Each structure stands twice: as structure tokens, then as C-alpha cells.
Amino acid sequence: MIFVEQADNHVKISWRALEPGIDVSQVAKHFKGGGHAAAAGADIPGALEEVEPLVLKTTKEMLGL
């Protein structure tokens, strides 16, 4: 995952699946983003310190990590 804090109080997130069979697009869709199974992204309102823990927790739960 890559988190990029934007100037207008939102965070762009990119997910990349490094292993076959992992679908990161489902995580991105959960955050109203999109993409493909191996590469997806979303744009989430809020500050990095608020968004990052939520995204990490949700990603781990959804991918069974």
C-alpha cells in the first residue's frame, strides 16, 4: 500500500497485490475506489493520521491477514 496525503484534506491510497489470488480491488471498492485484482486505488477524505489506521485495519481484515 502507498498512502499519499493531499493538500485538500484527503488521502490517495494505492494497493498492489504481490501474490496471485489476492484481490485488492475489493478493498478499494469498500472505500469507494476501484481498479483491478492486482492494482487498485481509492481517494479517502481526512487526514493521514486518521485514514491510515482505518485503511490498514480494514485491509488486513478483508484480505485475511
N, C-alpha and C. Protein backbone atom coordinates (compact mmCIF):
# COMPACT_ATOMS: atom_id res chain seq x y z
N MET A 1 0.83 -1.17 0.00
CA MET A 1 0.00 0.00 0.00
C MET A 1 0.88 1.24 0.00
N ILE A 2 0.36 2.24 -0.69
CA ILE A 2 1.02 3.54 -0.69
C ILE A 2 -0.03 4.57 -0.29
N PHE A 3 0.31 5.39 0.70
CA PHE A 3 -0.56 6.47 1.16
C PHE A 3 0.06 7.79 0.73
N VAL A 4 -0.74 8.65 0.09
CA VAL A 4 -0.26 9.97 -0.32
C VAL A 4 -1.25 11.01 0.20
N GLU A 5 -0.80 11.79 1.18
CA GLU A 5 -1.65 12.83 1.74
C GLU A 5 -1.71 14.00 0.77
N GLN A 6 -2.92 14.44 0.48
CA GLN A 6 -3.14 15.53 -0.46
C GLN A 6 -3.38 16.83 0.30
N ALA A 7 -3.17 17.94 -0.35
CA ALA A 7 -3.28 19.26 0.28
C ALA A 7 -4.70 19.59 0.72
N ASP A 8 -5.70 19.04 0.06
CA ASP A 8 -7.09 19.41 0.38
C ASP A 8 -7.77 18.40 1.31
N ASN A 9 -7.02 17.89 2.29
CA ASN A 9 -7.53 17.03 3.36
C ASN A 9 -8.15 15.73 2.86
N HIS A 10 -7.43 15.04 2.01
CA HIS A 10 -7.79 13.67 1.65
C HIS A 10 -6.52 12.89 1.36
N VAL A 11 -6.66 11.58 1.32
CA VAL A 11 -5.51 10.70 1.15
C VAL A 11 -5.77 9.77 -0.03
N LYS A 12 -4.83 9.72 -0.95
CA LYS A 12 -4.90 8.76 -2.06
C LYS A 12 -4.17 7.50 -1.62
N ILE A 13 -4.82 6.36 -1.87
CA ILE A 13 -4.24 5.08 -1.48
C ILE A 13 -4.16 4.18 -2.70
N SER A 14 -3.04 3.51 -2.84
CA SER A 14 -2.85 2.53 -3.91
C SER A 14 -2.52 1.18 -3.27
N TRP A 15 -3.23 0.16 -3.72
CA TRP A 15 -2.95 -1.21 -3.29
C TRP A 15 -2.36 -1.96 -4.47
N ARG A 16 -1.38 -2.81 -4.20
CA ARG A 16 -0.82 -3.70 -5.20
C ARG A 16 -0.74 -5.10 -4.60
N ALA A 17 -1.27 -6.07 -5.32
CA ALA A 17 -1.20 -7.47 -4.87
C ALA A 17 0.08 -8.08 -5.43
N LEU A 18 0.90 -8.60 -4.55
CA LEU A 18 2.16 -9.21 -4.99
C LEU A 18 2.04 -10.72 -5.19
N GLU A 19 0.95 -11.30 -4.69
CA GLU A 19 0.74 -12.73 -4.83
C GLU A 19 -0.50 -13.00 -5.65
N PRO A 20 -0.47 -14.01 -6.52
CA PRO A 20 -1.66 -14.37 -7.29
C PRO A 20 -2.78 -14.81 -6.34
N GLY A 21 -4.00 -14.50 -6.71
CA GLY A 21 -5.15 -14.91 -5.91
C GLY A 21 -5.60 -13.88 -4.89
N ILE A 22 -4.84 -12.82 -4.70
CA ILE A 22 -5.25 -11.75 -3.78
C ILE A 22 -5.91 -10.65 -4.61
N ASP A 23 -7.16 -10.30 -4.24
CA ASP A 23 -7.93 -9.31 -4.99
C ASP A 23 -8.03 -8.01 -4.18
N VAL A 24 -7.15 -7.08 -4.46
CA VAL A 24 -7.16 -5.81 -3.73
C VAL A 24 -8.26 -4.87 -4.21
N SER A 25 -8.88 -5.17 -5.34
CA SER A 25 -9.94 -4.30 -5.84
C SER A 25 -11.14 -4.30 -4.89
N GLN A 26 -11.37 -5.38 -4.19
CA GLN A 26 -12.49 -5.44 -3.24
C GLN A 26 -12.27 -4.48 -2.07
N VAL A 27 -11.03 -4.34 -1.65
CA VAL A 27 -10.71 -3.40 -0.58
C VAL A 27 -10.92 -1.97 -1.09
N ALA A 28 -10.45 -1.69 -2.28
CA ALA A 28 -10.62 -0.36 -2.86
C ALA A 28 -12.11 -0.03 -3.02
N LYS A 29 -12.91 -0.98 -3.47
CA LYS A 29 -14.35 -0.75 -3.62
C LYS A 29 -14.99 -0.44 -2.28
N HIS A 30 -14.52 -1.07 -1.22
CA HIS A 30 -15.04 -0.80 0.12
C HIS A 30 -14.88 0.69 0.46
N PHE A 31 -13.81 1.29 -0.03
CA PHE A 31 -13.54 2.71 0.21
C PHE A 31 -13.98 3.59 -0.96
N LYS A 32 -14.90 3.07 -1.78
CA LYS A 32 -15.46 3.78 -2.94
C LYS A 32 -14.43 4.08 -4.02
N GLY A 33 -13.45 3.20 -4.12
CA GLY A 33 -12.44 3.30 -5.17
C GLY A 33 -12.67 2.21 -6.20
N GLY A 34 -11.64 1.86 -6.92
CA GLY A 34 -11.77 0.84 -7.94
C GLY A 34 -10.43 0.38 -8.44
N GLY A 35 -10.48 -0.46 -9.47
CA GLY A 35 -9.27 -0.96 -10.07
C GLY A 35 -9.40 -2.41 -10.46
N HIS A 36 -8.28 -3.08 -10.49
CA HIS A 36 -8.21 -4.47 -10.90
C HIS A 36 -7.77 -5.31 -9.71
N ALA A 37 -7.85 -6.62 -9.85
CA ALA A 37 -7.50 -7.52 -8.75
C ALA A 37 -6.08 -7.26 -8.24
N ALA A 38 -5.16 -6.99 -9.13
CA ALA A 38 -3.76 -6.83 -8.73
C ALA A 38 -3.35 -5.39 -8.45
N ALA A 39 -4.17 -4.41 -8.86
CA ALA A 39 -3.82 -3.00 -8.66
C ALA A 39 -5.10 -2.18 -8.56
N ALA A 40 -5.24 -1.47 -7.44
CA ALA A 40 -6.46 -0.69 -7.22
C ALA A 40 -6.12 0.54 -6.39
N GLY A 41 -7.09 1.46 -6.30
CA GLY A 41 -6.86 2.67 -5.54
C GLY A 41 -8.14 3.31 -5.08
N ALA A 42 -8.00 4.24 -4.15
CA ALA A 42 -9.14 4.98 -3.63
C ALA A 42 -8.66 6.34 -3.14
N ASP A 43 -9.60 7.25 -3.01
CA ASP A 43 -9.35 8.60 -2.52
C ASP A 43 -10.27 8.79 -1.32
N ILE A 44 -9.68 8.92 -0.13
CA ILE A 44 -10.47 8.94 1.10
C ILE A 44 -10.33 10.30 1.78
N PRO A 45 -11.46 10.93 2.14
CA PRO A 45 -11.38 12.21 2.84
C PRO A 45 -10.82 12.04 4.25
N GLY A 46 -10.04 13.02 4.68
CA GLY A 46 -9.50 13.02 6.02
C GLY A 46 -7.99 13.20 6.02
N ALA A 47 -7.45 13.33 7.22
CA ALA A 47 -6.01 13.48 7.39
C ALA A 47 -5.34 12.11 7.44
N LEU A 48 -4.09 12.06 7.07
CA LEU A 48 -3.35 10.80 7.02
C LEU A 48 -3.40 10.05 8.35
N GLU A 49 -3.24 10.76 9.47
CA GLU A 49 -3.21 10.10 10.77
C GLU A 49 -4.56 9.48 11.14
N GLU A 50 -5.66 9.93 10.51
CA GLU A 50 -6.98 9.33 10.72
C GLU A 50 -7.22 8.18 9.75
N VAL A 51 -6.85 8.39 8.51
CA VAL A 51 -7.16 7.44 7.43
C VAL A 51 -6.28 6.19 7.51
N GLU A 52 -5.00 6.36 7.75
CA GLU A 52 -4.06 5.24 7.70
C GLU A 52 -4.44 4.08 8.62
N PRO A 53 -4.72 4.29 9.91
CA PRO A 53 -5.05 3.15 10.77
C PRO A 53 -6.33 2.43 10.32
N LEU A 54 -7.32 3.19 9.86
CA LEU A 54 -8.56 2.59 9.39
C LEU A 54 -8.33 1.72 8.16
N VAL A 55 -7.57 2.24 7.21
CA VAL A 55 -7.30 1.51 5.98
C VAL A 55 -6.47 0.25 6.26
N LEU A 56 -5.47 0.37 7.10
CA LEU A 56 -4.64 -0.79 7.43
C LEU A 56 -5.47 -1.89 8.09
N LYS A 57 -6.30 -1.52 9.05
CA LYS A 57 -7.14 -2.49 9.76
C LYS A 57 -8.12 -3.16 8.80
N THR A 58 -8.80 -2.36 8.00
CA THR A 58 -9.80 -2.89 7.07
C THR A 58 -9.14 -3.79 6.02
N THR A 59 -7.99 -3.38 5.51
CA THR A 59 -7.29 -4.18 4.51
C THR A 59 -6.89 -5.54 5.08
N LYS A 60 -6.33 -5.54 6.28
CA LYS A 60 -5.94 -6.81 6.92
C LYS A 60 -7.15 -7.71 7.12
N GLU A 61 -8.26 -7.15 7.59
CA GLU A 61 -9.46 -7.94 7.81
C GLU A 61 -10.01 -8.51 6.51
N MET A 62 -10.10 -7.68 5.49
CA MET A 62 -10.69 -8.13 4.22
C MET A 62 -9.83 -9.15 3.49
N LEU A 63 -8.51 -9.05 3.66
CA LEU A 63 -7.62 -9.99 2.97
C LEU A 63 -7.23 -11.18 3.86
N GLY A 64 -7.75 -11.20 5.07
CA GLY A 64 -7.46 -12.31 5.97
C GLY A 64 -6.03 -12.37 6.44
N LEU A 65 -5.44 -11.21 6.66
CA LEU A 65 -4.05 -11.15 7.10
C LEU A 65 -3.94 -10.96 8.60
